[in-house]
Amino acid sequence: MNRIHSHLDEINMIGKLADLKESQYNQSLVLSSLIQVLIDKGVITAQELQQKSKDLDATLTPSPTLPIS
């Protein structure tokens, strides 16, 4: 592979990474806004959200004593 092509590949990869970062920021902003609206309207409390996050994390985190399948 020639040097020019590899440099263009690097530039392309950097551009894709920047796009992903912007996309993730936008998704995080929408999610945070949605959560805040739900809390403001009394649909859910911050404590309920924290508990659900802990529950999901515990469910989705593999146990070190069990083999990963």
PDB file of N, CA and C in Angstrom:
ATOM      1  N   MET A   1       0.849  -1.168   0.000  1.00  0.00           N
ATOM      2  CA  MET A   1       0.000   0.000   0.000  1.00  0.00           C
ATOM      3  C   MET A   1       0.898   1.235   0.000  1.00  0.00           C
ATOM      4  N   ASN A   2       0.562   2.192  -0.839  1.00  0.00           N
ATOM      5  CA  ASN A   2       1.418   3.371  -0.882  1.00  0.00           C
ATOM      6  C   ASN A   2       1.076   4.339   0.248  1.00  0.00           C
ATOM      7  N   ARG A   3       1.988   5.257   0.507  1.00  0.00           N
ATOM      8  CA  ARG A   3       1.853   6.188   1.641  1.00  0.00           C
ATOM      9  C   ARG A   3       0.663   7.124   1.481  1.00  0.00           C
ATOM     10  N   ILE A   4       0.435   7.603   0.264  1.00  0.00           N
ATOM     11  CA  ILE A   4      -0.662   8.552   0.053  1.00  0.00           C
ATOM     12  C   ILE A   4      -1.985   7.884   0.387  1.00  0.00           C
ATOM     13  N   HIS A   5      -2.146   6.665  -0.066  1.00  0.00           N
ATOM     14  CA  HIS A   5      -3.397   5.948   0.205  1.00  0.00           C
ATOM     15  C   HIS A   5      -3.590   5.743   1.703  1.00  0.00           C
ATOM     16  N   SER A   6      -2.524   5.383   2.424  1.00  0.00           N
ATOM     17  CA  SER A   6      -2.671   5.154   3.861  1.00  0.00           C
ATOM     18  C   SER A   6      -2.990   6.460   4.597  1.00  0.00           C
ATOM     19  N   HIS A   7      -2.438   7.570   4.152  1.00  0.00           N
ATOM     20  CA  HIS A   7      -2.755   8.861   4.764  1.00  0.00           C
ATOM     21  C   HIS A   7      -4.213   9.229   4.524  1.00  0.00           C
ATOM     22  N   LEU A   8      -4.704   8.958   3.340  1.00  0.00           N
ATOM     23  CA  LEU A   8      -6.106   9.233   3.040  1.00  0.00           C
ATOM     24  C   LEU A   8      -7.018   8.336   3.879  1.00  0.00           C
ATOM     25  N   ASP A   9      -6.599   7.091   4.088  1.00  0.00           N
ATOM     26  CA  ASP A   9      -7.364   6.187   4.959  1.00  0.00           C
ATOM     27  C   ASP A   9      -7.414   6.726   6.384  1.00  0.00           C
ATOM     28  N   GLU A  10      -6.295   7.255   6.864  1.00  0.00           N
ATOM     29  CA  GLU A  10      -6.261   7.818   8.216  1.00  0.00           C
ATOM     30  C   GLU A  10      -7.180   9.028   8.322  1.00  0.00           C
ATOM     31  N   ILE A  11      -7.148   9.900   7.330  1.00  0.00           N
ATOM     32  CA  ILE A  11      -8.018  11.079   7.329  1.00  0.00           C
ATOM     33  C   ILE A  11      -9.478  10.655   7.312  1.00  0.00           C
ATOM     34  N   ASN A  12      -9.797   9.655   6.507  1.00  0.00           N
ATOM     35  CA  ASN A  12     -11.162   9.135   6.437  1.00  0.00           C
ATOM     36  C   ASN A  12     -11.596   8.568   7.786  1.00  0.00           C
ATOM     37  N   MET A  13     -10.722   7.828   8.452  1.00  0.00           N
ATOM     38  CA  MET A  13     -11.031   7.246   9.754  1.00  0.00           C
ATOM     39  C   MET A  13     -11.241   8.341  10.802  1.00  0.00           C
ATOM     40  N   ILE A  14     -10.431   9.375  10.770  1.00  0.00           N
ATOM     41  CA  ILE A  14     -10.585  10.494  11.711  1.00  0.00           C
ATOM     42  C   ILE A  14     -11.935  11.175  11.497  1.00  0.00           C
ATOM     43  N   GLY A  15     -12.323  11.351  10.242  1.00  0.00           N
ATOM     44  CA  GLY A  15     -13.626  11.941   9.937  1.00  0.00           C
ATOM     45  C   GLY A  15     -14.769  11.090  10.452  1.00  0.00           C
ATOM     46  N   LYS A  16     -14.661   9.786  10.287  1.00  0.00           N
ATOM     47  CA  LYS A  16     -15.704   8.883  10.785  1.00  0.00           C
ATOM     48  C   LYS A  16     -15.789   8.937  12.310  1.00  0.00           C
ATOM     49  N   LEU A  17     -14.649   9.016  12.964  1.00  0.00           N
ATOM     50  CA  LEU A  17     -14.631   9.108  14.424  1.00  0.00           C
ATOM     51  C   LEU A  17     -15.300  10.406  14.886  1.00  0.00           C
ATOM     52  N   ALA A  18     -15.017  11.494  14.205  1.00  0.00           N
ATOM     53  CA  ALA A  18     -15.645  12.774  14.556  1.00  0.00           C
ATOM     54  C   ALA A  18     -17.157  12.695  14.374  1.00  0.00           C
ATOM     55  N   ASP A  19     -17.604  12.037  13.303  1.00  0.00           N
ATOM     56  CA  ASP A  19     -19.045  11.869  13.075  1.00  0.00           C
ATOM     57  C   ASP A  19     -19.676  11.049  14.192  1.00  0.00           C
ATOM     58  N   LEU A  20     -18.998   9.986  14.625  1.00  0.00           N
ATOM     59  CA  LEU A  20     -19.511   9.151  15.709  1.00  0.00           C
ATOM     60  C   LEU A  20     -19.601   9.929  17.014  1.00  0.00           C
ATOM     61  N   LYS A  21     -18.584  10.739  17.284  1.00  0.00           N
ATOM     62  CA  LYS A  21     -18.605  11.544  18.508  1.00  0.00           C
ATOM     63  C   LYS A  21     -19.778  12.510  18.497  1.00  0.00           C
ATOM     64  N   GLU A  22     -20.025  13.156  17.368  1.00  0.00           N
ATOM     65  CA  GLU A  22     -21.146  14.090  17.272  1.00  0.00           C
ATOM     66  C   GLU A  22     -22.471  13.352  17.416  1.00  0.00           C
ATOM     67  N   SER A  23     -22.574  12.195  16.800  1.00  0.00           N
ATOM     68  CA  SER A  23     -23.796  11.396  16.889  1.00  0.00           C
ATOM     69  C   SER A  23     -24.048  10.963  18.334  1.00  0.00           C
ATOM     70  N   GLN A  24     -22.997  10.524  19.013  1.00  0.00           N
ATOM     71  CA  GLN A  24     -23.144  10.101  20.407  1.00  0.00           C
ATOM     72  C   GLN A  24     -23.557  11.279  21.283  1.00  0.00           C
ATOM     73  N   TYR A  25     -22.974  12.443  21.040  1.00  0.00           N
ATOM     74  CA  TYR A  25     -23.345  13.634  21.808  1.00  0.00           C
ATOM     75  C   TYR A  25     -24.828  13.953  21.598  1.00  0.00           C
ATOM     76  N   ASN A  26     -25.276  13.931  20.358  1.00  0.00           N
ATOM     77  CA  ASN A  26     -26.677  14.236  20.069  1.00  0.00           C
ATOM     78  C   ASN A  26     -27.618  13.227  20.722  1.00  0.00           C
ATOM     79  N   GLN A  27     -27.268  11.954  20.676  1.00  0.00           N
ATOM     80  CA  GLN A  27     -28.096  10.929  21.298  1.00  0.00           C
ATOM     81  C   GLN A  27     -28.119  11.095  22.820  1.00  0.00           C
ATOM     82  N   SER A  28     -26.992  11.429  23.406  1.00  0.00           N
ATOM     83  CA  SER A  28     -26.931  11.652  24.852  1.00  0.00           C
ATOM     84  C   SER A  28     -27.771  12.858  25.249  1.00  0.00           C
ATOM     85  N   LEU A  29     -27.736  13.900  24.432  1.00  0.00           N
ATOM     86  CA  LEU A  29     -28.522  15.099  24.697  1.00  0.00           C
ATOM     87  C   LEU A  29     -30.020  14.796  24.651  1.00  0.00           C
ATOM     88  N   VAL A  30     -30.443  14.046  23.640  1.00  0.00           N
ATOM     89  CA  VAL A  30     -31.860  13.681  23.525  1.00  0.00           C
ATOM     90  C   VAL A  30     -32.279  12.807  24.706  1.00  0.00           C
ATOM     91  N   LEU A  31     -31.456  11.829  25.054  1.00  0.00           N
ATOM     92  CA  LEU A  31     -31.779  10.946  26.177  1.00  0.00           C
ATOM     93  C   LEU A  31     -31.863  11.726  27.487  1.00  0.00           C
ATOM     94  N   SER A  32     -30.905  12.599  27.727  1.00  0.00           N
ATOM     95  CA  SER A  32     -30.930  13.410  28.948  1.00  0.00           C
ATOM     96  C   SER A  32     -32.164  14.300  28.990  1.00  0.00           C
ATOM     97  N   SER A  33     -32.515  14.876  27.858  1.00  0.00           N
ATOM     98  CA  SER A  33     -33.715  15.725  27.792  1.00  0.00           C
ATOM     99  C   SER A  33     -34.970  14.924  28.073  1.00  0.00           C
ATOM    100  N   LEU A  34     -35.064  13.750  27.494  1.00  0.00           N
ATOM    101  CA  LEU A  34     -36.220  12.881  27.706  1.00  0.00           C
ATOM    102  C   LEU A  34     -36.347  12.486  29.177  1.00  0.00           C
ATOM    103  N   ILE A  35     -35.244  12.111  29.781  1.00  0.00           N
ATOM    104  CA  ILE A  35     -35.251  11.741  31.199  1.00  0.00           C
ATOM    105  C   ILE A  35     -35.702  12.921  32.055  1.00  0.00           C
ATOM    106  N   GLN A  36     -35.179  14.102  31.759  1.00  0.00           N
ATOM    107  CA  GLN A  36     -35.546  15.272  32.554  1.00  0.00           C
ATOM    108  C   GLN A  36     -37.030  15.605  32.404  1.00  0.00           C
ATOM    109  N   VAL A  37     -37.579  15.478  31.209  1.00  0.00           N
ATOM    110  CA  VAL A  37     -39.009  15.727  31.001  1.00  0.00           C
ATOM    111  C   VAL A  37     -39.837  14.714  31.791  1.00  0.00           C
ATOM    112  N   LEU A  38     -39.442  13.445  31.769  1.00  0.00           N
ATOM    113  CA  LEU A  38     -40.172  12.419  32.520  1.00  0.00           C
ATOM    114  C   LEU A  38     -40.132  12.701  34.027  1.00  0.00           C
ATOM    115  N   ILE A  39     -38.984  13.150  34.511  1.00  0.00           N
ATOM    116  CA  ILE A  39     -38.871  13.489  35.932  1.00  0.00           C
ATOM    117  C   ILE A  39     -39.715  14.723  36.245  1.00  0.00           C
ATOM    118  N   ASP A  40     -39.625  15.737  35.388  1.00  0.00           N
ATOM    119  CA  ASP A  40     -40.397  16.975  35.616  1.00  0.00           C
ATOM    120  C   ASP A  40     -41.900  16.718  35.628  1.00  0.00           C
ATOM    121  N   LYS A  41     -42.359  15.782  34.798  1.00  0.00           N
ATOM    122  CA  LYS A  41     -43.788  15.475  34.720  1.00  0.00           C
ATOM    123  C   LYS A  41     -44.222  14.485  35.806  1.00  0.00           C
ATOM    124  N   GLY A  42     -43.289  13.995  36.593  1.00  0.00           N
ATOM    125  CA  GLY A  42     -43.620  13.071  37.666  1.00  0.00           C
ATOM    126  C   GLY A  42     -43.875  11.650  37.208  1.00  0.00           C
ATOM    127  N   VAL A  43     -43.459  11.321  35.998  1.00  0.00           N
ATOM    128  CA  VAL A  43     -43.647   9.961  35.483  1.00  0.00           C
ATOM    129  C   VAL A  43     -42.687   9.002  36.163  1.00  0.00           C
ATOM    130  N   ILE A  44     -41.492   9.494  36.467  1.00  0.00           N
ATOM    131  CA  ILE A  44     -40.460   8.678  37.104  1.00  0.00           C
ATOM    132  C   ILE A  44     -39.644   9.584  38.025  1.00  0.00           C
ATOM    133  N   THR A  45     -39.091   9.014  39.075  1.00  0.00           N
ATOM    134  CA  THR A  45     -38.228   9.799  39.960  1.00  0.00           C
ATOM    135  C   THR A  45     -36.769   9.498  39.633  1.00  0.00           C
ATOM    136  N   ALA A  46     -35.914  10.389  40.071  1.00  0.00           N
ATOM    137  CA  ALA A  46     -34.476  10.173  39.851  1.00  0.00           C
ATOM    138  C   ALA A  46     -34.016   8.903  40.566  1.00  0.00           C
ATOM    139  N   GLN A  47     -34.607   8.623  41.731  1.00  0.00           N
ATOM    140  CA  GLN A  47     -34.237   7.418  42.485  1.00  0.00           C
ATOM    141  C   GLN A  47     -34.657   6.153  41.735  1.00  0.00           C
ATOM    142  N   GLU A  48     -35.850   6.176  41.128  1.00  0.00           N
ATOM    143  CA  GLU A  48     -36.297   5.020  40.339  1.00  0.00           C
ATOM    144  C   GLU A  48     -35.372   4.791  39.149  1.00  0.00           C
ATOM    145  N   LEU A  49     -34.956   5.868  38.529  1.00  0.00           N
ATOM    146  CA  LEU A  49     -34.046   5.760  37.389  1.00  0.00           C
ATOM    147  C   LEU A  49     -32.701   5.192  37.820  1.00  0.00           C
ATOM    148  N   GLN A  50     -32.179   5.665  38.952  1.00  0.00           N
ATOM    149  CA  GLN A  50     -30.917   5.140  39.466  1.00  0.00           C
ATOM    150  C   GLN A  50     -31.023   3.656  39.790  1.00  0.00           C
ATOM    151  N   GLN A  51     -32.129   3.259  40.424  1.00  0.00           N
ATOM    152  CA  GLN A  51     -32.306   1.850  40.777  1.00  0.00           C
ATOM    153  C   GLN A  51     -32.403   0.982  39.532  1.00  0.00           C
ATOM    154  N   LYS A  52     -33.158   1.447  38.544  1.00  0.00           N
ATOM    155  CA  LYS A  52     -33.298   0.682  37.298  1.00  0.00           C
ATOM    156  C   LYS A  52     -31.947   0.560  36.599  1.00  0.00           C
ATOM    157  N   SER A  53     -31.149   1.622  36.621  1.00  0.00           N
ATOM    158  CA  SER A  53     -29.815   1.570  36.013  1.00  0.00           C
ATOM    159  C   SER A  53     -28.941   0.540  36.712  1.00  0.00           C
ATOM    160  N   LYS A  54     -28.989   0.521  38.050  1.00  0.00           N
ATOM    161  CA  LYS A  54     -28.225  -0.470  38.808  1.00  0.00           C
ATOM    162  C   LYS A  54     -28.683  -1.884  38.475  1.00  0.00           C
ATOM    163  N   ASP A  55     -30.017  -2.078  38.409  1.00  0.00           N
ATOM    164  CA  ASP A  55     -30.568  -3.401  38.106  1.00  0.00           C
ATOM    165  C   ASP A  55     -30.130  -3.880  36.724  1.00  0.00           C
ATOM    166  N   LEU A  56     -30.236  -2.995  35.735  1.00  0.00           N
ATOM    167  CA  LEU A  56     -29.847  -3.372  34.373  1.00  0.00           C
ATOM    168  C   LEU A  56     -28.356  -3.642  34.280  1.00  0.00           C
ATOM    169  N   ASP A  57     -27.562  -2.842  34.967  1.00  0.00           N
ATOM    170  CA  ASP A  57     -26.115  -3.042  34.957  1.00  0.00           C
ATOM    171  C   ASP A  57     -25.770  -4.402  35.557  1.00  0.00           C
ATOM    172  N   ALA A  58     -26.417  -4.739  36.652  1.00  0.00           N
ATOM    173  CA  ALA A  58     -26.155  -6.032  37.292  1.00  0.00           C
ATOM    174  C   ALA A  58     -26.577  -7.184  36.382  1.00  0.00           C
ATOM    175  N   THR A  59     -27.670  -6.991  35.665  1.00  0.00           N
ATOM    176  CA  THR A  59     -28.156  -8.030  34.765  1.00  0.00           C
ATOM    177  C   THR A  59     -27.251  -8.199  33.549  1.00  0.00           C
ATOM    178  N   LEU A  60     -26.748  -7.095  33.029  1.00  0.00           N
ATOM    179  CA  LEU A  60     -25.969  -7.135  31.790  1.00  0.00           C
ATOM    180  C   LEU A  60     -24.477  -7.360  31.999  1.00  0.00           C
ATOM    181  N   THR A  61     -24.008  -7.215  33.235  1.00  0.00           N
ATOM    182  CA  THR A  61     -22.596  -7.434  33.518  1.00  0.00           C
ATOM    183  C   THR A  61     -22.370  -8.912  33.803  1.00  0.00           C
ATOM    184  N   PRO A  62     -21.479  -9.534  33.022  1.00  0.00           N
ATOM    185  CA  PRO A  62     -21.241 -10.965  33.247  1.00  0.00           C
ATOM    186  C   PRO A  62     -20.648 -11.233  34.627  1.00  0.00           C
ATOM    187  N   SER A  63     -21.082 -12.311  35.217  1.00  0.00           N
ATOM    188  CA  SER A  63     -20.555 -12.718  36.504  1.00  0.00           C
ATOM    189  C   SER A  63     -19.174 -13.342  36.301  1.00  0.00           C
ATOM    190  N   PRO A  64     -18.187 -12.944  37.107  1.00  0.00           N
ATOM    191  CA  PRO A  64     -16.833 -13.514  36.918  1.00  0.00           C
ATOM    192  C   PRO A  64     -16.773 -15.001  37.238  1.00  0.00           C
ATOM    193  N   THR A  65     -17.776 -15.534  37.956  1.00  0.00           N
ATOM    194  CA  THR A  65     -17.737 -16.954  38.300  1.00  0.00           C
ATOM    195  C   THR A  65     -18.388 -17.808  37.220  1.00  0.00           C
ATOM    196  N   LEU A  66     -19.142 -17.182  36.312  1.00  0.00           N
ATOM    197  CA  LEU A  66     -19.801 -17.935  35.255  1.00  0.00           C
ATOM    198  C   LEU A  66     -19.050 -17.769  33.939  1.00  0.00           C
ATOM    199  N   PRO A  67     -18.952 -18.829  33.155  1.00  0.00           N
ATOM    200  CA  PRO A  67     -18.274 -18.704  31.858  1.00  0.00           C
ATOM    201  C   PRO A  67     -19.112 -17.841  30.903  1.00  0.00           C
ATOM    202  N   ILE A  68     -18.422 -17.092  30.075  1.00  0.00           N
ATOM    203  CA  ILE A  68     -19.114 -16.275  29.079  1.00  0.00           C
ATOM    204  C   ILE A  68     -19.476 -17.179  27.912  1.00  0.00           C
ATOM    205  N   SER A  69     -20.748 -17.156  27.533  1.00  0.00           N
ATOM    206  CA  SER A  69     -21.162 -18.030  26.428  1.00  0.00           C
ATOM    207  C   SER A  69     -21.509 -17.242  25.207  1.00  0.00           C
TER     208      SER A  69
END
